[in-house]
């Protein structure tokens, strides 16, 4: 229900992202805190590379977007698995990679995973209604960023989130 309310508010302009220059390291700390307990219950190790950079993003909403992605990584990674979070800078964007060794996503499902209410064939039994990635994509779009994904079934996934580094209109 909360996800539906957030989506409705974003889509109707009731809530808007307000990008500011923020610490990417602090963003990642906040995101890990959101999922830490869930990861501990499954004995999943979350490794975050040290990050000393800034980008242009709304801290509250971007932590929500990344939190949804990392939460999925925890949900679909088997007990004892590993999630790695890294960041690197480009001239216009900062890229954050969230890599897991979970169940992965079939190639034919990749174009669908950011759709509203979409749940893959292998994930239907898990909790959730299929709004997390849709919400994450909308949040990133709202501030000039985007998300890409690479995945192989049984190999895991890498979600790459691109945050703007400046005020340039793209």
Protein backbone atom coordinates (compact mmCIF):
# COMPACT_ATOMS: atom_id res chain seq x y z
CA UNK A 1 0.00 0.00 0.00
CA UNK A 2 2.82 2.42 0.87
CA UNK A 3 4.49 1.81 -2.49
CA UNK A 4 1.23 2.59 -4.32
CA UNK A 5 0.83 5.84 -2.39
CA UNK A 6 4.42 6.85 -3.16
CA UNK A 7 4.01 6.06 -6.86
CA UNK A 8 0.75 8.00 -7.03
CA UNK A 9 2.31 11.02 -5.34
CA UNK A 10 5.35 10.95 -7.65
CA UNK A 11 3.29 10.51 -10.82
CA UNK A 12 0.87 13.29 -9.88
CA UNK A 13 3.57 15.73 -8.87
CA UNK A 14 2.45 15.84 -5.24
CA UNK A 15 5.96 14.76 -4.27
CA UNK A 16 8.91 15.81 -6.36
CA UNK A 17 12.55 14.94 -6.12
CA UNK A 18 14.81 17.83 -5.17
CA UNK A 19 18.31 16.95 -6.36
CA UNK A 20 21.18 18.52 -4.41
CA UNK A 21 24.87 17.76 -4.22
CA UNK A 22 25.18 14.96 -1.69
CA UNK A 23 27.73 12.42 -0.56
CA UNK A 24 27.43 9.11 -2.40
CA UNK A 25 29.13 7.40 0.55
CA UNK A 26 26.43 8.65 2.96
CA UNK A 27 23.76 7.49 0.52
CA UNK A 28 25.21 3.99 0.47
CA UNK A 29 25.46 3.90 4.28
CA UNK A 30 21.79 4.84 4.54
CA UNK A 31 20.77 2.19 2.02
CA UNK A 32 22.71 -0.58 3.78
CA UNK A 33 21.09 0.35 7.10
CA UNK A 34 17.67 -0.20 5.49
CA UNK A 35 18.41 -3.85 4.63
CA UNK A 36 21.01 -4.80 7.22
CA UNK A 37 18.67 -6.83 9.47
CA UNK A 38 17.15 -8.73 6.57
CA UNK A 39 20.62 -9.58 5.25
CA UNK A 40 21.79 -10.75 8.69
CA UNK A 41 18.83 -13.13 8.94
CA UNK A 42 19.96 -14.79 5.69
CA UNK A 43 23.68 -14.57 6.53
CA UNK A 44 24.24 -12.43 3.44
CA UNK A 45 27.41 -10.36 3.44
CA UNK A 46 27.01 -6.83 2.03
CA UNK A 47 30.34 -5.36 0.97
CA UNK A 48 30.47 -1.64 0.21
CA UNK A 49 33.61 -0.24 -1.39
CA UNK A 50 34.82 3.04 0.13
CA UNK A 51 33.29 5.97 -1.73
CA UNK A 52 34.47 9.57 -1.54
CA UNK A 53 32.47 11.39 -4.20
CA UNK A 54 29.45 13.59 -4.63
CA UNK A 55 26.60 13.58 -7.12
CA UNK A 56 23.37 15.46 -7.72
CA UNK A 57 20.43 13.58 -6.17
CA UNK A 58 17.59 13.76 -3.68
CA UNK A 59 18.91 11.88 -0.62
CA UNK A 60 15.51 10.70 0.65
CA UNK A 61 14.12 9.46 -2.66
CA UNK A 62 17.38 8.07 -4.02
CA UNK A 63 17.91 6.06 -0.84
CA UNK A 64 14.38 4.73 -1.38
CA UNK A 65 15.23 3.75 -4.97
CA UNK A 66 18.54 2.08 -4.09
CA UNK A 67 16.95 0.52 -1.02
CA UNK A 68 14.40 -1.19 -3.26
CA UNK A 69 17.16 -2.59 -5.46
CA UNK A 70 19.32 -3.79 -2.55
CA UNK A 71 16.24 -5.21 -0.81
CA UNK A 72 15.55 -7.27 -3.95
CA UNK A 73 19.16 -8.41 -4.00
CA UNK A 74 18.79 -9.66 -0.42
CA UNK A 75 15.41 -11.24 -1.17
CA UNK A 76 16.64 -13.17 -4.23
CA UNK A 77 20.11 -14.13 -2.99
CA UNK A 78 20.35 -17.49 -1.20
CA UNK A 79 21.42 -17.79 2.43
CA UNK A 80 25.14 -17.18 2.81
CA UNK A 81 25.31 -15.14 -0.39
CA UNK A 82 27.09 -11.90 -1.13
CA UNK A 83 26.14 -8.44 -2.37
CA UNK A 84 28.79 -5.98 -3.54
CA UNK A 85 28.12 -2.25 -3.87
CA UNK A 86 30.65 -0.12 -5.72
CA UNK A 87 30.68 3.33 -7.30
CA UNK A 88 32.73 5.03 -10.00
CA UNK A 89 32.72 8.46 -11.59
CA UNK A 90 32.32 9.45 -15.21
CA UNK A 91 32.31 12.96 -16.63
CA UNK A 92 28.50 13.40 -16.44
CA UNK A 93 27.38 10.60 -14.11
CA UNK A 94 28.32 8.64 -11.03
CA UNK A 95 27.51 4.95 -11.43
CA UNK A 96 26.56 2.79 -8.47
CA UNK A 97 26.67 -0.96 -9.09
CA UNK A 98 24.73 -3.40 -6.93
CA UNK A 99 25.96 -6.90 -7.69
CA UNK A 100 24.54 -10.08 -6.18
CA UNK A 101 25.05 -13.81 -6.60
CA UNK A 102 21.33 -14.54 -6.47
CA UNK A 103 18.89 -16.33 -8.74
CA UNK A 104 19.36 -13.96 -11.67
CA UNK A 105 16.83 -12.87 -14.28
CA UNK A 106 16.05 -14.56 -17.57
CA UNK A 107 16.91 -12.51 -20.67
CA UNK A 108 13.29 -12.40 -21.88
CA UNK A 109 12.23 -10.90 -18.54
CA UNK A 110 14.80 -8.08 -18.45
CA UNK A 111 12.68 -5.61 -20.49
CA UNK A 112 9.70 -6.23 -18.18
CA UNK A 113 11.20 -5.99 -14.68
CA UNK A 114 10.71 -2.22 -14.36
CA UNK A 115 7.02 -2.51 -15.22
CA UNK A 116 4.35 -1.74 -12.70
CA UNK A 117 3.24 -4.89 -10.79
CA UNK A 118 5.65 -7.13 -12.70
CA UNK A 119 6.87 -10.26 -10.92
CA UNK A 120 8.98 -12.80 -12.74
CA UNK A 121 8.08 -16.45 -13.06
CA UNK A 122 10.70 -17.50 -10.50
CA UNK A 123 9.84 -14.74 -8.01
CA UNK A 124 6.06 -14.91 -7.73
CA UNK A 125 6.15 -16.83 -4.44
CA UNK A 126 8.19 -14.08 -2.74
CA UNK A 127 6.64 -11.23 -0.77
CA UNK A 128 5.91 -7.96 -2.59
CA UNK A 129 3.64 -6.84 -5.38
CA UNK A 130 6.15 -5.89 -8.07
CA UNK A 131 6.39 -2.15 -7.50
CA UNK A 132 9.92 -1.71 -6.10
CA UNK A 133 11.83 -1.56 -9.39
CA UNK A 134 9.11 0.51 -11.04
CA UNK A 135 9.32 3.04 -8.19
CA UNK A 136 13.14 3.02 -8.34
CA UNK A 137 13.08 3.76 -12.08
CA UNK A 138 10.55 6.58 -11.66
CA UNK A 139 12.59 8.16 -8.86
CA UNK A 140 15.75 8.07 -10.96
CA UNK A 141 13.97 9.45 -14.03
CA UNK A 142 12.55 12.28 -11.94
CA UNK A 143 16.04 13.56 -11.21
CA UNK A 144 17.70 12.94 -14.56
CA UNK A 145 19.26 9.58 -13.71
CA UNK A 146 18.61 6.06 -14.93
CA UNK A 147 19.04 2.36 -14.15
CA UNK A 148 20.50 -0.48 -16.22
CA UNK A 149 20.62 -4.18 -15.43
CA UNK A 150 22.69 -7.17 -16.53
CA UNK A 151 21.77 -10.63 -15.36
CA UNK A 152 22.07 -14.33 -16.01
CA UNK A 153 19.84 -16.99 -14.45
CA UNK A 154 21.62 -18.75 -11.56
CA UNK A 155 24.55 -16.29 -11.87
CA UNK A 156 23.13 -13.19 -10.20
CA UNK A 157 22.47 -9.63 -11.31
CA UNK A 158 24.17 -6.27 -11.52
CA UNK A 159 21.94 -3.20 -11.26
CA UNK A 160 23.71 0.01 -12.28
CA UNK A 161 22.21 3.28 -11.06
CA UNK A 162 23.42 6.45 -12.76
CA UNK A 163 23.29 9.72 -10.81
CA UNK A 164 23.95 13.06 -12.46
CA UNK A 165 27.12 14.85 -11.43
CA UNK A 166 26.04 18.34 -12.41
CA UNK A 167 23.21 20.60 -13.47
CA UNK A 168 23.67 20.05 -17.19
CA UNK A 169 20.41 19.36 -19.00
CA UNK A 170 20.70 15.94 -20.57
